[in-house]
């Protein structure tokens, strides 16, 4: 078995990290509605959303999550 193999358990962990990144990105966007944020924070929210979706795609396709 390869060290880079994505098992069912690892797929679940990858999906959990993806959901966490999505929640962090959503919190940053929601906070921006109350406090004017700098462009850096908007960029970080976008990166968090993009990273979360990539992780969820990896977990679903190769990790047999779902």
PDB file of N, CA and C in Angstrom:
ATOM      1  N   UNK A   1       0.847  -1.177   0.000  1.00  0.00           N
ATOM      2  CA  UNK A   1       0.000   0.000   0.000  1.00  0.00           C
ATOM      3  C   UNK A   1       0.895   1.244   0.000  1.00  0.00           C
ATOM      4  N   UNK A   2       0.554   2.169  -0.831  1.00  0.00           N
ATOM      5  CA  UNK A   2       1.336   3.394  -0.960  1.00  0.00           C
ATOM      6  C   UNK A   2       1.033   4.345   0.193  1.00  0.00           C
ATOM      7  N   UNK A   3       2.010   5.142   0.544  1.00  0.00           N
ATOM      8  CA  UNK A   3       1.815   6.123   1.611  1.00  0.00           C
ATOM      9  C   UNK A   3       0.880   7.239   1.148  1.00  0.00           C
ATOM     10  N   UNK A   4       0.766   7.416  -0.173  1.00  0.00           N
ATOM     11  CA  UNK A   4      -0.100   8.458  -0.712  1.00  0.00           C
ATOM     12  C   UNK A   4      -1.498   7.959  -1.039  1.00  0.00           C
ATOM     13  N   UNK A   5      -1.801   6.715  -0.684  1.00  0.00           N
ATOM     14  CA  UNK A   5      -3.116   6.159  -0.977  1.00  0.00           C
ATOM     15  C   UNK A   5      -4.174   6.859  -0.133  1.00  0.00           C
ATOM     16  N   UNK A   6      -5.288   7.149  -0.765  1.00  0.00           N
ATOM     17  CA  UNK A   6      -6.391   7.787  -0.059  1.00  0.00           C
ATOM     18  C   UNK A   6      -7.407   6.704   0.277  1.00  0.00           C
ATOM     19  N   UNK A   7      -7.436   6.319   1.538  1.00  0.00           N
ATOM     20  CA  UNK A   7      -8.382   5.319   1.997  1.00  0.00           C
ATOM     21  C   UNK A   7      -9.718   5.987   2.313  1.00  0.00           C
ATOM     22  N   UNK A   8     -10.692   5.185   2.667  1.00  0.00           N
ATOM     23  CA  UNK A   8     -11.998   5.732   3.031  1.00  0.00           C
ATOM     24  C   UNK A   8     -11.875   6.649   4.244  1.00  0.00           C
ATOM     25  N   UNK A   9     -11.087   6.248   5.220  1.00  0.00           N
ATOM     26  CA  UNK A   9     -10.893   7.061   6.424  1.00  0.00           C
ATOM     27  C   UNK A   9     -10.201   8.380   6.093  1.00  0.00           C
ATOM     28  N   UNK A  10      -9.167   8.317   5.249  1.00  0.00           N
ATOM     29  CA  UNK A  10      -8.478   9.544   4.849  1.00  0.00           C
ATOM     30  C   UNK A  10      -9.392  10.446   4.025  1.00  0.00           C
ATOM     31  N   UNK A  11     -10.259   9.862   3.207  1.00  0.00           N
ATOM     32  CA  UNK A  11     -11.212  10.652   2.443  1.00  0.00           C
ATOM     33  C   UNK A  11     -12.152  11.429   3.338  1.00  0.00           C
ATOM     34  N   UNK A  12     -12.568  10.794   4.426  1.00  0.00           N
ATOM     35  CA  UNK A  12     -13.428  11.495   5.384  1.00  0.00           C
ATOM     36  C   UNK A  12     -12.678  12.646   6.031  1.00  0.00           C
ATOM     37  N   UNK A  13     -11.425  12.424   6.403  1.00  0.00           N
ATOM     38  CA  UNK A  13     -10.619  13.496   7.013  1.00  0.00           C
ATOM     39  C   UNK A  13     -10.403  14.645   6.039  1.00  0.00           C
ATOM     40  N   UNK A  14     -10.131  14.325   4.768  1.00  0.00           N
ATOM     41  CA  UNK A  14      -9.936  15.366   3.765  1.00  0.00           C
ATOM     42  C   UNK A  14     -11.217  16.176   3.590  1.00  0.00           C
ATOM     43  N   UNK A  15     -12.358  15.495   3.587  1.00  0.00           N
ATOM     44  CA  UNK A  15     -13.644  16.195   3.467  1.00  0.00           C
ATOM     45  C   UNK A  15     -13.888  17.087   4.682  1.00  0.00           C
ATOM     46  N   UNK A  16     -13.532  16.620   5.863  1.00  0.00           N
ATOM     47  CA  UNK A  16     -13.706  17.441   7.066  1.00  0.00           C
ATOM     48  C   UNK A  16     -12.861  18.700   6.999  1.00  0.00           C
ATOM     49  N   UNK A  17     -11.641  18.583   6.519  1.00  0.00           N
ATOM     50  CA  UNK A  17     -10.786  19.760   6.359  1.00  0.00           C
ATOM     51  C   UNK A  17     -11.381  20.702   5.317  1.00  0.00           C
ATOM     52  N   UNK A  18     -11.939  20.136   4.244  1.00  0.00           N
ATOM     53  CA  UNK A  18     -12.595  20.966   3.235  1.00  0.00           C
ATOM     54  C   UNK A  18     -13.774  21.731   3.796  1.00  0.00           C
ATOM     55  N   UNK A  19     -14.602  21.049   4.597  1.00  0.00           N
ATOM     56  CA  UNK A  19     -15.740  21.728   5.218  1.00  0.00           C
ATOM     57  C   UNK A  19     -15.265  22.809   6.195  1.00  0.00           C
ATOM     58  N   UNK A  20     -14.196  22.539   6.919  1.00  0.00           N
ATOM     59  CA  UNK A  20     -13.657  23.536   7.850  1.00  0.00           C
ATOM     60  C   UNK A  20     -13.163  24.766   7.102  1.00  0.00           C
ATOM     61  N   UNK A  21     -12.455  24.570   5.991  1.00  0.00           N
ATOM     62  CA  UNK A  21     -11.993  25.707   5.192  1.00  0.00           C
ATOM     63  C   UNK A  21     -13.175  26.504   4.645  1.00  0.00           C
ATOM     64  N   UNK A  22     -14.214  25.816   4.222  1.00  0.00           N
ATOM     65  CA  UNK A  22     -15.405  26.499   3.743  1.00  0.00           C
ATOM     66  C   UNK A  22     -16.062  27.330   4.835  1.00  0.00           C
ATOM     67  N   UNK A  23     -16.100  26.793   6.045  1.00  0.00           N
ATOM     68  CA  UNK A  23     -16.677  27.528   7.172  1.00  0.00           C
ATOM     69  C   UNK A  23     -15.837  28.752   7.515  1.00  0.00           C
ATOM     70  N   UNK A  24     -14.529  28.611   7.456  1.00  0.00           N
ATOM     71  CA  UNK A  24     -13.644  29.752   7.727  1.00  0.00           C
ATOM     72  C   UNK A  24     -13.836  30.827   6.666  1.00  0.00           C
ATOM     73  N   UNK A  25     -13.904  30.421   5.401  1.00  0.00           N
ATOM     74  CA  UNK A  25     -14.138  31.383   4.326  1.00  0.00           C
ATOM     75  C   UNK A  25     -15.473  32.086   4.483  1.00  0.00           C
ATOM     76  N   UNK A  26     -16.512  31.326   4.845  1.00  0.00           N
ATOM     77  CA  UNK A  26     -17.826  31.928   5.075  1.00  0.00           C
ATOM     78  C   UNK A  26     -17.829  32.904   6.242  1.00  0.00           C
ATOM     79  N   UNK A  27     -17.090  32.569   7.298  1.00  0.00           N
ATOM     80  CA  UNK A  27     -17.005  33.474   8.451  1.00  0.00           C
ATOM     81  C   UNK A  27     -16.306  34.775   8.069  1.00  0.00           C
ATOM     82  N   UNK A  28     -15.281  34.685   7.241  1.00  0.00           N
ATOM     83  CA  UNK A  28     -14.573  35.892   6.801  1.00  0.00           C
ATOM     84  C   UNK A  28     -15.499  36.767   5.955  1.00  0.00           C
ATOM     85  N   UNK A  29     -16.249  36.140   5.061  1.00  0.00           N
ATOM     86  CA  UNK A  29     -17.183  36.900   4.223  1.00  0.00           C
ATOM     87  C   UNK A  29     -18.282  37.520   5.083  1.00  0.00           C
ATOM     88  N   UNK A  30     -18.822  36.770   6.040  1.00  0.00           N
ATOM     89  CA  UNK A  30     -19.868  37.293   6.917  1.00  0.00           C
ATOM     90  C   UNK A  30     -19.335  38.425   7.783  1.00  0.00           C
ATOM     91  N   UNK A  31     -18.119  38.297   8.255  1.00  0.00           N
ATOM     92  CA  UNK A  31     -17.513  39.363   9.050  1.00  0.00           C
ATOM     93  C   UNK A  31     -17.319  40.610   8.211  1.00  0.00           C
ATOM     94  N   UNK A  32     -17.056  40.442   6.930  1.00  0.00           N
ATOM     95  CA  UNK A  32     -16.888  41.586   6.042  1.00  0.00           C
ATOM     96  C   UNK A  32     -18.162  42.386   5.854  1.00  0.00           C
ATOM     97  N   UNK A  33     -19.313  41.797   6.136  1.00  0.00           N
ATOM     98  CA  UNK A  33     -20.569  42.534   6.035  1.00  0.00           C
ATOM     99  C   UNK A  33     -20.704  43.553   7.166  1.00  0.00           C
ATOM    100  N   UNK A  34     -20.034  43.301   8.279  1.00  0.00           N
ATOM    101  CA  UNK A  34     -20.123  44.203   9.421  1.00  0.00           C
ATOM    102  C   UNK A  34     -18.915  45.111   9.556  1.00  0.00           C
ATOM    103  N   UNK A  35     -17.765  44.610   9.188  1.00  0.00           N
ATOM    104  CA  UNK A  35     -16.519  45.363   9.303  1.00  0.00           C
ATOM    105  C   UNK A  35     -15.903  45.447   7.910  1.00  0.00           C
ATOM    106  N   UNK A  36     -15.627  46.651   7.431  1.00  0.00           N
ATOM    107  CA  UNK A  36     -14.993  46.741   6.122  1.00  0.00           C
ATOM    108  C   UNK A  36     -13.617  46.072   6.147  1.00  0.00           C
ATOM    109  N   UNK A  37     -13.468  45.056   5.350  1.00  0.00           N
ATOM    110  CA  UNK A  37     -12.218  44.300   5.352  1.00  0.00           C
ATOM    111  C   UNK A  37     -11.298  44.777   4.244  1.00  0.00           C
ATOM    112  N   UNK A  38     -10.032  44.526   4.467  1.00  0.00           N
ATOM    113  CA  UNK A  38      -9.062  44.844   3.441  1.00  0.00           C
ATOM    114  C   UNK A  38      -9.144  43.813   2.329  1.00  0.00           C
ATOM    115  N   UNK A  39      -8.554  44.118   1.214  1.00  0.00           N
ATOM    116  CA  UNK A  39      -8.574  43.202   0.084  1.00  0.00           C
ATOM    117  C   UNK A  39      -7.887  41.883   0.416  1.00  0.00           C
ATOM    118  N   UNK A  40      -6.927  41.923   1.307  1.00  0.00           N
ATOM    119  CA  UNK A  40      -6.220  40.699   1.671  1.00  0.00           C
ATOM    120  C   UNK A  40      -7.178  39.695   2.289  1.00  0.00           C
ATOM    121  N   UNK A  41      -8.078  40.149   3.138  1.00  0.00           N
ATOM    122  CA  UNK A  41      -9.032  39.249   3.780  1.00  0.00           C
ATOM    123  C   UNK A  41     -10.009  38.676   2.770  1.00  0.00           C
ATOM    124  N   UNK A  42     -10.433  39.509   1.804  1.00  0.00           N
ATOM    125  CA  UNK A  42     -11.306  38.997   0.746  1.00  0.00           C
ATOM    126  C   UNK A  42     -10.576  37.958  -0.087  1.00  0.00           C
ATOM    127  N   UNK A  43      -9.304  38.189  -0.348  1.00  0.00           N
ATOM    128  CA  UNK A  43      -8.497  37.219  -1.085  1.00  0.00           C
ATOM    129  C   UNK A  43      -8.373  35.919  -0.295  1.00  0.00           C
ATOM    130  N   UNK A  44      -8.135  36.013   1.004  1.00  0.00           N
ATOM    131  CA  UNK A  44      -8.024  34.814   1.843  1.00  0.00           C
ATOM    132  C   UNK A  44      -9.341  34.041   1.893  1.00  0.00           C
ATOM    133  N   UNK A  45     -10.455  34.742   1.910  1.00  0.00           N
ATOM    134  CA  UNK A  45     -11.751  34.066   1.892  1.00  0.00           C
ATOM    135  C   UNK A  45     -11.929  33.315   0.579  1.00  0.00           C
ATOM    136  N   UNK A  46     -11.537  33.925  -0.527  1.00  0.00           N
ATOM    137  CA  UNK A  46     -11.627  33.256  -1.823  1.00  0.00           C
ATOM    138  C   UNK A  46     -10.739  32.039  -1.910  1.00  0.00           C
ATOM    139  N   UNK A  47      -9.528  32.153  -1.375  1.00  0.00           N
ATOM    140  CA  UNK A  47      -8.606  31.016  -1.360  1.00  0.00           C
ATOM    141  C   UNK A  47      -9.155  29.899  -0.486  1.00  0.00           C
ATOM    142  N   UNK A  48      -9.753  30.255   0.651  1.00  0.00           N
ATOM    143  CA  UNK A  48     -10.343  29.240   1.534  1.00  0.00           C
ATOM    144  C   UNK A  48     -11.491  28.518   0.844  1.00  0.00           C
ATOM    145  N   UNK A  49     -12.348  29.263   0.144  1.00  0.00           N
ATOM    146  CA  UNK A  49     -13.448  28.629  -0.595  1.00  0.00           C
ATOM    147  C   UNK A  49     -12.922  27.723  -1.696  1.00  0.00           C
ATOM    148  N   UNK A  50     -11.965  28.225  -2.468  1.00  0.00           N
ATOM    149  CA  UNK A  50     -11.420  27.424  -3.567  1.00  0.00           C
ATOM    150  C   UNK A  50     -10.733  26.168  -3.040  1.00  0.00           C
ATOM    151  N   UNK A  51      -9.943  26.317  -1.988  1.00  0.00           N
ATOM    152  CA  UNK A  51      -9.259  25.163  -1.396  1.00  0.00           C
ATOM    153  C   UNK A  51     -10.233  24.151  -0.828  1.00  0.00           C
ATOM    154  N   UNK A  52     -11.308  24.645  -0.235  1.00  0.00           N
ATOM    155  CA  UNK A  52     -12.279  23.717   0.342  1.00  0.00           C
ATOM    156  C   UNK A  52     -12.967  22.896  -0.740  1.00  0.00           C
ATOM    157  N   UNK A  53     -13.306  23.526  -1.853  1.00  0.00           N
ATOM    158  CA  UNK A  53     -13.952  22.773  -2.930  1.00  0.00           C
ATOM    159  C   UNK A  53     -13.000  21.787  -3.582  1.00  0.00           C
ATOM    160  N   UNK A  54     -11.733  22.151  -3.710  1.00  0.00           N
ATOM    161  CA  UNK A  54     -10.753  21.205  -4.263  1.00  0.00           C
ATOM    162  C   UNK A  54     -10.628  19.991  -3.344  1.00  0.00           C
ATOM    163  N   UNK A  55     -10.541  20.216  -2.041  1.00  0.00           N
ATOM    164  CA  UNK A  55     -10.443  19.101  -1.098  1.00  0.00           C
ATOM    165  C   UNK A  55     -11.697  18.230  -1.124  1.00  0.00           C
ATOM    166  N   UNK A  56     -12.854  18.843  -1.256  1.00  0.00           N
ATOM    167  CA  UNK A  56     -14.083  18.053  -1.314  1.00  0.00           C
ATOM    168  C   UNK A  56     -14.165  17.237  -2.599  1.00  0.00           C
ATOM    169  N   UNK A  57     -13.677  17.787  -3.702  1.00  0.00           N
ATOM    170  CA  UNK A  57     -13.648  17.024  -4.948  1.00  0.00           C
ATOM    171  C   UNK A  57     -12.691  15.845  -4.822  1.00  0.00           C
ATOM    172  N   UNK A  58     -11.523  16.065  -4.238  1.00  0.00           N
ATOM    173  CA  UNK A  58     -10.554  14.978  -4.041  1.00  0.00           C
ATOM    174  C   UNK A  58     -11.146  13.913  -3.133  1.00  0.00           C
ATOM    175  N   UNK A  59     -11.769  14.324  -2.032  1.00  0.00           N
ATOM    176  CA  UNK A  59     -12.351  13.366  -1.098  1.00  0.00           C
ATOM    177  C   UNK A  59     -13.475  12.562  -1.743  1.00  0.00           C
ATOM    178  N   UNK A  60     -14.273  13.205  -2.573  1.00  0.00           N
ATOM    179  CA  UNK A  60     -15.388  12.516  -3.207  1.00  0.00           C
ATOM    180  C   UNK A  60     -14.916  11.563  -4.297  1.00  0.00           C
ATOM    181  N   UNK A  61     -13.960  12.014  -5.100  1.00  0.00           N
ATOM    182  CA  UNK A  61     -13.544  11.206  -6.255  1.00  0.00           C
ATOM    183  C   UNK A  61     -12.599  10.073  -5.855  1.00  0.00           C
ATOM    184  N   UNK A  62     -11.534  10.391  -5.155  1.00  0.00           N
ATOM    185  CA  UNK A  62     -10.517   9.391  -4.850  1.00  0.00           C
ATOM    186  C   UNK A  62     -10.645   8.804  -3.446  1.00  0.00           C
ATOM    187  N   UNK A  63     -11.301   9.502  -2.535  1.00  0.00           N
ATOM    188  CA  UNK A  63     -11.409   9.026  -1.168  1.00  0.00           C
ATOM    189  C   UNK A  63     -12.666   8.241  -0.888  1.00  0.00           C
ATOM    190  N   UNK A  64     -13.513   8.062  -1.886  1.00  0.00           N
ATOM    191  CA  UNK A  64     -14.761   7.311  -1.746  1.00  0.00           C
ATOM    192  C   UNK A  64     -15.619   7.873  -0.632  1.00  0.00           C
ATOM    193  N   UNK A  65     -15.619   9.186  -0.498  1.00  0.00           N
ATOM    194  CA  UNK A  65     -16.453   9.855   0.505  1.00  0.00           C
ATOM    195  C   UNK A  65     -17.826  10.115  -0.106  1.00  0.00           C
ATOM    196  N   UNK A  66     -18.848   9.838   0.635  1.00  0.00           N
ATOM    197  CA  UNK A  66     -20.188  10.184   0.187  1.00  0.00           C
ATOM    198  C   UNK A  66     -21.006   9.078  -0.329  1.00  0.00           C
TER     199      UNK A  66
END
